[in-house]
Amino acid sequence: MTVALPAGAAEIITRKKSLYCRLADTNDWDKIDQVLAPDLTFTAEDAEGKVININNTDYVFKSRADWVAYFSTIFASLQTMHQVGYPELEAVAPDEVKATFGVTYLVGTKEADKGVHGTGAGHYYETWKLKDGDWFIQTVKFVRIYWKEMIL
């Protein structure tokens, strides 16, 4: 049985995903609770399904607090820019939507003429849940299909 996408859900989810990118890129972590559920689960994998590990940290987080603690520390010394495309959305229940967003991102150290620069791309596979009249990301599986890194 097909479940209809709840009225307004596509616009809200699309807008809030853009907000997620801006908050991460500007290190505005105090507002991330507008987008991520407290019991968020987040996993990042490469194209072969292996969990991404950077600096001896597996990219598997079991809560919003753990996710924010890690990325707020890592992003403090970096410049990032995330751009997402228009999502594929599928309602699976009146209060649950599966979303797939393509993403391209840039990451680098803050020095203009030296340091490290990376360009990546992939897809966010997400579950959004309706809680108290608003939509929040409940689960994220990020699959990175492209990554290039340069040392300047």
N, C-alpha and C. Protein backbone atom coordinates (compact mmCIF):
# COMPACT_ATOMS: atom_id res chain seq x y z
N MET A 1 0.83 -1.18 0.00
CA MET A 1 0.00 0.00 0.00
C MET A 1 0.88 1.25 0.00
N THR A 2 0.56 2.18 -0.86
CA THR A 2 1.31 3.42 -0.96
C THR A 2 0.83 4.41 0.09
N VAL A 3 1.77 5.05 0.75
CA VAL A 3 1.46 6.08 1.73
C VAL A 3 1.73 7.43 1.07
N ALA A 4 0.77 8.32 1.12
CA ALA A 4 0.93 9.65 0.52
C ALA A 4 1.91 10.48 1.35
N LEU A 5 2.73 11.24 0.65
CA LEU A 5 3.64 12.15 1.33
C LEU A 5 2.82 13.20 2.07
N PRO A 6 3.03 13.35 3.37
CA PRO A 6 2.24 14.33 4.14
C PRO A 6 2.36 15.74 3.56
N ALA A 7 1.28 16.48 3.62
CA ALA A 7 1.24 17.85 3.10
C ALA A 7 2.37 18.68 3.72
N GLY A 8 3.11 19.35 2.87
CA GLY A 8 4.18 20.23 3.33
C GLY A 8 5.48 19.54 3.68
N ALA A 9 5.49 18.21 3.75
CA ALA A 9 6.69 17.49 4.20
C ALA A 9 7.87 17.71 3.26
N ALA A 10 7.64 17.67 1.95
CA ALA A 10 8.74 17.81 1.00
C ALA A 10 9.44 19.16 1.17
N GLU A 11 8.67 20.23 1.27
CA GLU A 11 9.25 21.56 1.44
C GLU A 11 10.02 21.67 2.75
N ILE A 12 9.44 21.18 3.83
CA ILE A 12 10.08 21.28 5.14
C ILE A 12 11.38 20.47 5.18
N ILE A 13 11.33 19.24 4.70
CA ILE A 13 12.52 18.37 4.71
C ILE A 13 13.63 18.96 3.84
N THR A 14 13.27 19.44 2.66
CA THR A 14 14.27 20.04 1.76
C THR A 14 14.90 21.27 2.39
N ARG A 15 14.08 22.14 2.97
CA ARG A 15 14.58 23.36 3.61
C ARG A 15 15.46 23.03 4.81
N LYS A 16 15.04 22.05 5.62
CA LYS A 16 15.81 21.71 6.82
C LYS A 16 17.12 21.00 6.48
N LYS A 17 17.17 20.28 5.37
CA LYS A 17 18.44 19.67 4.96
C LYS A 17 19.43 20.77 4.55
N SER A 18 18.94 21.79 3.86
CA SER A 18 19.80 22.94 3.54
C SER A 18 20.28 23.63 4.81
N LEU A 19 19.39 23.76 5.78
CA LEU A 19 19.77 24.35 7.07
C LEU A 19 20.86 23.51 7.74
N TYR A 20 20.70 22.19 7.73
CA TYR A 20 21.72 21.28 8.27
C TYR A 20 23.09 21.58 7.67
N CYS A 21 23.15 21.72 6.35
CA CYS A 21 24.43 22.00 5.68
C CYS A 21 24.99 23.34 6.14
N ARG A 22 24.16 24.36 6.19
CA ARG A 22 24.64 25.68 6.59
C ARG A 22 25.12 25.68 8.04
N LEU A 23 24.38 25.03 8.92
CA LEU A 23 24.80 25.00 10.33
C LEU A 23 26.13 24.29 10.50
N ALA A 24 26.32 23.18 9.78
CA ALA A 24 27.61 22.47 9.86
C ALA A 24 28.73 23.33 9.27
N ASP A 25 28.48 23.96 8.13
CA ASP A 25 29.52 24.75 7.46
C ASP A 25 29.90 26.01 8.24
N THR A 26 28.97 26.54 9.01
CA THR A 26 29.25 27.76 9.79
C THR A 26 29.54 27.45 11.26
N ASN A 27 29.62 26.16 11.59
CA ASN A 27 29.89 25.73 12.97
C ASN A 27 28.88 26.30 13.96
N ASP A 28 27.64 26.33 13.57
CA ASP A 28 26.56 26.87 14.41
C ASP A 28 25.85 25.70 15.11
N TRP A 29 26.59 25.03 15.96
CA TRP A 29 26.14 23.77 16.56
C TRP A 29 24.98 23.94 17.54
N ASP A 30 24.81 25.12 18.09
CA ASP A 30 23.72 25.36 19.05
C ASP A 30 22.34 25.26 18.43
N LYS A 31 22.27 25.32 17.10
CA LYS A 31 20.97 25.27 16.42
C LYS A 31 20.70 23.93 15.73
N ILE A 32 21.64 22.99 15.82
CA ILE A 32 21.50 21.73 15.08
C ILE A 32 20.32 20.91 15.59
N ASP A 33 19.84 21.20 16.81
CA ASP A 33 18.67 20.49 17.32
C ASP A 33 17.40 20.86 16.56
N GLN A 34 17.45 21.87 15.70
CA GLN A 34 16.33 22.20 14.83
C GLN A 34 16.18 21.18 13.70
N VAL A 35 17.23 20.37 13.49
CA VAL A 35 17.26 19.45 12.36
C VAL A 35 17.43 17.99 12.80
N LEU A 36 18.31 17.73 13.76
CA LEU A 36 18.64 16.36 14.15
C LEU A 36 17.88 15.94 15.40
N ALA A 37 17.31 14.75 15.36
CA ALA A 37 16.64 14.18 16.54
C ALA A 37 17.69 13.85 17.60
N PRO A 38 17.34 13.92 18.88
CA PRO A 38 18.30 13.60 19.95
C PRO A 38 18.86 12.19 19.83
N ASP A 39 18.03 11.24 19.38
CA ASP A 39 18.47 9.84 19.26
C ASP A 39 18.91 9.50 17.84
N LEU A 40 19.44 10.50 17.15
CA LEU A 40 20.00 10.32 15.81
C LEU A 40 21.00 9.16 15.79
N THR A 41 20.98 8.39 14.71
CA THR A 41 22.07 7.47 14.42
C THR A 41 22.66 7.88 13.08
N PHE A 42 23.99 7.85 12.99
CA PHE A 42 24.69 8.32 11.79
C PHE A 42 25.82 7.35 11.50
N THR A 43 25.88 6.89 10.25
CA THR A 43 26.96 6.03 9.79
C THR A 43 27.45 6.56 8.45
N ALA A 44 28.76 6.57 8.24
CA ALA A 44 29.34 6.95 6.95
C ALA A 44 30.14 5.77 6.43
N GLU A 45 29.90 5.44 5.17
CA GLU A 45 30.55 4.30 4.53
C GLU A 45 31.15 4.73 3.20
N ASP A 46 32.12 3.93 2.74
CA ASP A 46 32.62 4.15 1.38
C ASP A 46 31.73 3.37 0.41
N ALA A 47 32.07 3.44 -0.87
CA ALA A 47 31.22 2.82 -1.89
C ALA A 47 31.15 1.30 -1.77
N GLU A 48 32.11 0.69 -1.08
CA GLU A 48 32.12 -0.77 -0.89
C GLU A 48 31.40 -1.19 0.39
N GLY A 49 30.88 -0.23 1.14
CA GLY A 49 30.14 -0.55 2.37
C GLY A 49 31.00 -0.61 3.62
N LYS A 50 32.26 -0.20 3.52
CA LYS A 50 33.15 -0.20 4.69
C LYS A 50 32.98 1.12 5.44
N VAL A 51 32.86 1.04 6.76
CA VAL A 51 32.71 2.25 7.58
C VAL A 51 33.95 3.12 7.41
N ILE A 52 33.72 4.40 7.16
CA ILE A 52 34.81 5.36 7.01
C ILE A 52 35.47 5.57 8.38
N ASN A 53 36.79 5.54 8.38
CA ASN A 53 37.57 5.77 9.59
C ASN A 53 38.58 6.86 9.29
N ILE A 54 38.51 7.95 10.05
CA ILE A 54 39.44 9.06 9.90
C ILE A 54 40.06 9.34 11.26
N ASN A 55 41.39 9.38 11.28
CA ASN A 55 42.13 9.61 12.53
C ASN A 55 41.70 8.64 13.63
N ASN A 56 41.59 7.37 13.28
CA ASN A 56 41.22 6.30 14.22
C ASN A 56 39.81 6.45 14.79
N THR A 57 38.94 7.14 14.09
CA THR A 57 37.55 7.26 14.52
C THR A 57 36.65 6.68 13.45
N ASP A 58 35.90 5.63 13.80
CA ASP A 58 34.87 5.11 12.91
C ASP A 58 33.73 6.10 12.86
N TYR A 59 33.25 6.38 11.66
CA TYR A 59 32.15 7.33 11.50
C TYR A 59 30.81 6.63 11.75
N VAL A 60 30.62 6.26 13.01
CA VAL A 60 29.37 5.66 13.51
C VAL A 60 29.04 6.40 14.80
N PHE A 61 27.91 7.08 14.81
CA PHE A 61 27.51 7.87 15.98
C PHE A 61 26.10 7.45 16.38
N LYS A 62 25.89 7.29 17.68
CA LYS A 62 24.63 6.74 18.21
C LYS A 62 23.71 7.79 18.81
N SER A 63 24.10 9.07 18.74
CA SER A 63 23.23 10.13 19.25
C SER A 63 23.63 11.47 18.63
N ARG A 64 22.72 12.41 18.68
CA ARG A 64 23.03 13.77 18.22
C ARG A 64 24.19 14.34 19.04
N ALA A 65 24.18 14.12 20.35
CA ALA A 65 25.23 14.65 21.21
C ALA A 65 26.61 14.12 20.80
N ASP A 66 26.70 12.83 20.51
CA ASP A 66 27.98 12.25 20.08
C ASP A 66 28.42 12.82 18.73
N TRP A 67 27.46 12.95 17.81
CA TRP A 67 27.74 13.50 16.48
C TRP A 67 28.25 14.93 16.60
N VAL A 68 27.56 15.76 17.36
CA VAL A 68 27.96 17.16 17.54
C VAL A 68 29.31 17.26 18.24
N ALA A 69 29.54 16.46 19.27
CA ALA A 69 30.81 16.51 19.99
C ALA A 69 31.98 16.24 19.04
N TYR A 70 31.82 15.27 18.16
CA TYR A 70 32.89 14.94 17.23
C TYR A 70 33.07 16.02 16.17
N PHE A 71 32.00 16.33 15.43
CA PHE A 71 32.13 17.24 14.30
C PHE A 71 32.41 18.68 14.73
N SER A 72 31.93 19.11 15.87
CA SER A 72 32.23 20.47 16.32
C SER A 72 33.73 20.62 16.61
N THR A 73 34.35 19.57 17.09
CA THR A 73 35.79 19.59 17.34
C THR A 73 36.57 19.54 16.03
N ILE A 74 36.21 18.61 15.15
CA ILE A 74 36.92 18.43 13.89
C ILE A 74 36.77 19.66 12.98
N PHE A 75 35.55 20.18 12.87
CA PHE A 75 35.29 21.29 11.95
C PHE A 75 35.86 22.62 12.45
N ALA A 76 36.24 22.72 13.71
CA ALA A 76 36.74 23.99 14.26
C ALA A 76 37.97 24.50 13.50
N SER A 77 38.79 23.59 13.02
CA SER A 77 40.02 23.99 12.33
C SER A 77 39.90 23.90 10.81
N LEU A 78 38.69 23.67 10.32
CA LEU A 78 38.48 23.46 8.89
C LEU A 78 37.50 24.47 8.30
N GLN A 79 37.54 24.58 6.99
CA GLN A 79 36.50 25.25 6.22
C GLN A 79 35.77 24.15 5.46
N THR A 80 34.44 24.19 5.47
CA THR A 80 33.67 23.19 4.73
C THR A 80 32.56 23.88 3.95
N MET A 81 32.11 23.20 2.91
CA MET A 81 30.96 23.64 2.14
C MET A 81 30.24 22.41 1.63
N HIS A 82 29.00 22.23 2.04
CA HIS A 82 28.16 21.11 1.61
C HIS A 82 27.04 21.64 0.72
N GLN A 83 26.83 21.00 -0.42
CA GLN A 83 25.72 21.33 -1.32
C GLN A 83 24.93 20.06 -1.59
N VAL A 84 23.63 20.10 -1.30
CA VAL A 84 22.78 18.95 -1.55
C VAL A 84 21.84 19.23 -2.72
N GLY A 85 21.49 18.17 -3.42
CA GLY A 85 20.52 18.28 -4.50
C GLY A 85 19.11 18.07 -3.99
N TYR A 86 18.14 18.21 -4.90
CA TYR A 86 16.74 17.99 -4.55
C TYR A 86 16.56 16.52 -4.19
N PRO A 87 15.82 16.22 -3.12
CA PRO A 87 15.77 14.85 -2.63
C PRO A 87 14.78 13.95 -3.37
N GLU A 88 15.04 12.66 -3.28
CA GLU A 88 14.04 11.65 -3.57
C GLU A 88 13.35 11.36 -2.24
N LEU A 89 12.03 11.42 -2.20
CA LEU A 89 11.29 11.24 -0.95
C LEU A 89 10.26 10.13 -1.11
N GLU A 90 10.13 9.33 -0.05
CA GLU A 90 9.12 8.26 -0.02
C GLU A 90 8.52 8.20 1.38
N ALA A 91 7.23 8.43 1.45
CA ALA A 91 6.54 8.29 2.73
C ALA A 91 6.36 6.81 3.02
N VAL A 92 6.73 6.39 4.22
CA VAL A 92 6.54 4.99 4.62
C VAL A 92 5.50 4.88 5.72
N ALA A 93 5.16 6.00 6.31
CA ALA A 93 4.10 6.10 7.33
C ALA A 93 3.72 7.59 7.39
N PRO A 94 2.59 7.91 7.99
CA PRO A 94 2.21 9.33 8.08
C PRO A 94 3.23 10.19 8.83
N ASP A 95 4.05 9.56 9.68
CA ASP A 95 5.05 10.31 10.45
C ASP A 95 6.49 9.92 10.11
N GLU A 96 6.70 9.30 8.94
CA GLU A 96 8.04 8.85 8.57
C GLU A 96 8.25 8.95 7.07
N VAL A 97 9.38 9.57 6.69
CA VAL A 97 9.74 9.74 5.29
C VAL A 97 11.18 9.29 5.09
N LYS A 98 11.39 8.48 4.05
CA LYS A 98 12.74 8.12 3.62
C LYS A 98 13.18 9.15 2.59
N ALA A 99 14.39 9.68 2.76
CA ALA A 99 14.91 10.71 1.86
C ALA A 99 16.30 10.32 1.39
N THR A 100 16.57 10.58 0.12
CA THR A 100 17.91 10.40 -0.43
C THR A 100 18.33 11.73 -1.05
N PHE A 101 19.45 12.25 -0.57
CA PHE A 101 20.01 13.50 -1.07
C PHE A 101 21.38 13.23 -1.66
N GLY A 102 21.64 13.68 -2.88
CA GLY A 102 22.99 13.72 -3.39
C GLY A 102 23.71 14.89 -2.74
N VAL A 103 25.01 14.74 -2.50
CA VAL A 103 25.78 15.81 -1.85
C VAL A 103 27.17 15.89 -2.47
N THR A 104 27.64 17.11 -2.62
CA THR A 104 29.03 17.40 -2.95
C THR A 104 29.57 18.28 -1.84
N TYR A 105 30.78 18.00 -1.39
CA TYR A 105 31.31 18.81 -0.29
C TYR A 105 32.80 19.08 -0.50
N LEU A 106 33.20 20.22 0.04
CA LEU A 106 34.59 20.65 0.04
C LEU A 106 35.03 20.77 1.48
N VAL A 107 36.25 20.38 1.76
CA VAL A 107 36.79 20.50 3.12
C VAL A 107 38.27 20.83 3.02
N GLY A 108 38.71 21.73 3.86
CA GLY A 108 40.13 22.07 3.84
C GLY A 108 40.53 22.84 5.08
N THR A 109 41.82 22.88 5.28
CA THR A 109 42.34 23.69 6.38
C THR A 109 42.14 25.16 6.04
N LYS A 110 42.20 26.01 7.06
CA LYS A 110 41.84 27.41 6.87
C LYS A 110 42.91 28.26 6.18
N GLU A 111 44.14 27.76 6.09
CA GLU A 111 45.18 28.52 5.42
C GLU A 111 44.87 28.62 3.92
N ALA A 112 45.07 29.80 3.35
CA ALA A 112 44.74 30.00 1.94
C ALA A 112 45.77 29.39 1.00
N ASP A 113 47.03 29.34 1.40
CA ASP A 113 48.10 28.95 0.48
C ASP A 113 48.83 27.67 0.87
N LYS A 114 48.33 26.96 1.87
CA LYS A 114 48.96 25.70 2.27
C LYS A 114 47.91 24.86 3.01
N GLY A 115 48.28 23.64 3.34
CA GLY A 115 47.37 22.78 4.08
C GLY A 115 46.83 21.65 3.23
N VAL A 116 45.65 21.20 3.57
CA VAL A 116 45.02 20.06 2.90
C VAL A 116 43.66 20.50 2.37
N HIS A 117 43.33 20.02 1.17
CA HIS A 117 42.01 20.27 0.58
C HIS A 117 41.44 18.95 0.10
N GLY A 118 40.16 18.72 0.37
CA GLY A 118 39.48 17.53 -0.11
C GLY A 118 38.16 17.87 -0.76
N THR A 119 37.82 17.09 -1.78
CA THR A 119 36.52 17.20 -2.44
C THR A 119 35.88 15.83 -2.39
N GLY A 120 34.64 15.78 -1.93
CA GLY A 120 33.94 14.51 -1.83
C GLY A 120 32.51 14.63 -2.35
N ALA A 121 31.92 13.46 -2.58
CA ALA A 121 30.53 13.41 -3.02
C ALA A 121 29.96 12.06 -2.67
N GLY A 122 28.65 12.03 -2.56
CA GLY A 122 27.97 10.79 -2.26
C GLY A 122 26.49 11.03 -2.05
N HIS A 123 25.89 10.17 -1.26
CA HIS A 123 24.45 10.26 -1.01
C HIS A 123 24.16 10.06 0.47
N TYR A 124 23.25 10.89 0.96
CA TYR A 124 22.68 10.72 2.29
C TYR A 124 21.41 9.90 2.14
N TYR A 125 21.32 8.77 2.84
CA TYR A 125 20.10 7.96 2.92
C TYR A 125 19.55 8.18 4.32
N GLU A 126 18.40 8.83 4.42
CA GLU A 126 17.92 9.30 5.72
C GLU A 126 16.50 8.85 6.01
N THR A 127 16.21 8.78 7.28
CA THR A 127 14.84 8.63 7.76
C THR A 127 14.50 9.90 8.53
N TRP A 128 13.43 10.53 8.13
CA TRP A 128 12.91 11.73 8.79
C TRP A 128 11.66 11.34 9.54
N LYS A 129 11.55 11.81 10.78
CA LYS A 129 10.38 11.50 11.62
C LYS A 129 9.67 12.79 12.01
N LEU A 130 8.36 12.72 12.04
CA LEU A 130 7.52 13.83 12.49
C LEU A 130 7.38 13.73 14.00
N LYS A 131 7.87 14.76 14.70
CA LYS A 131 7.80 14.78 16.16
C LYS A 131 7.29 16.14 16.60
N ASP A 132 6.22 16.15 17.36
CA ASP A 132 5.64 17.39 17.88
C ASP A 132 5.39 18.40 16.76
N GLY A 133 4.90 17.91 15.62
CA GLY A 133 4.52 18.79 14.52
C GLY A 133 5.64 19.25 13.62
N ASP A 134 6.86 18.73 13.79
CA ASP A 134 7.98 19.14 12.95
C ASP A 134 8.78 17.90 12.53
N TRP A 135 9.52 18.03 11.45
CA TRP A 135 10.30 16.92 10.90
C TRP A 135 11.76 17.01 11.34
N PHE A 136 12.33 15.84 11.70
CA PHE A 136 13.71 15.75 12.17
C PHE A 136 14.40 14.53 11.55
N ILE A 137 15.70 14.64 11.33
CA ILE A 137 16.47 13.50 10.84
C ILE A 137 16.65 12.52 12.00
N GLN A 138 16.21 11.29 11.78
CA GLN A 138 16.31 10.22 12.78
C GLN A 138 17.53 9.34 12.51
N THR A 139 17.71 8.97 11.24
CA THR A 139 18.84 8.12 10.87
C THR A 139 19.49 8.66 9.60
N VAL A 140 20.81 8.50 9.54
CA VAL A 140 21.59 8.88 8.36
C VAL A 140 22.55 7.75 8.05
N LYS A 141 22.56 7.35 6.79
CA LYS A 141 23.64 6.51 6.27
C LYS A 141 24.20 7.30 5.09
N PHE A 142 25.42 7.79 5.27
CA PHE A 142 26.09 8.51 4.20
C PHE A 142 26.98 7.53 3.46
N VAL A 143 26.84 7.48 2.13
CA VAL A 143 27.69 6.63 1.30
C VAL A 143 28.53 7.54 0.41
N ARG A 144 29.83 7.54 0.68
CA ARG A 144 30.76 8.38 -0.09
C ARG A 144 31.19 7.61 -1.33
N ILE A 145 30.93 8.18 -2.50
CA ILE A 145 31.30 7.52 -3.75
C ILE A 145 32.46 8.22 -4.46
N TYR A 146 32.85 9.37 -3.94
CA TYR A 146 33.96 10.12 -4.54
C TYR A 146 34.74 10.81 -3.44
N TRP A 147 36.07 10.75 -3.52
CA TRP A 147 36.92 11.47 -2.57
C TRP A 147 38.28 11.71 -3.21
N LYS A 148 38.72 12.96 -3.24
CA LYS A 148 40.06 13.34 -3.69
C LYS A 148 40.63 14.30 -2.68
N GLU A 149 41.89 14.10 -2.35
CA GLU A 149 42.56 14.93 -1.35
C GLU A 149 43.88 15.44 -1.92
N MET A 150 44.17 16.72 -1.66
CA MET A 150 45.42 17.33 -2.11
C MET A 150 46.11 17.99 -0.94
N ILE A 151 47.43 17.93 -0.94
CA ILE A 151 48.22 18.68 0.04
C ILE A 151 48.83 19.85 -0.71
N LEU A 152 48.59 21.04 -0.19
CA LEU A 152 49.09 22.26 -0.85
C LEU A 152 50.43 22.67 -0.26
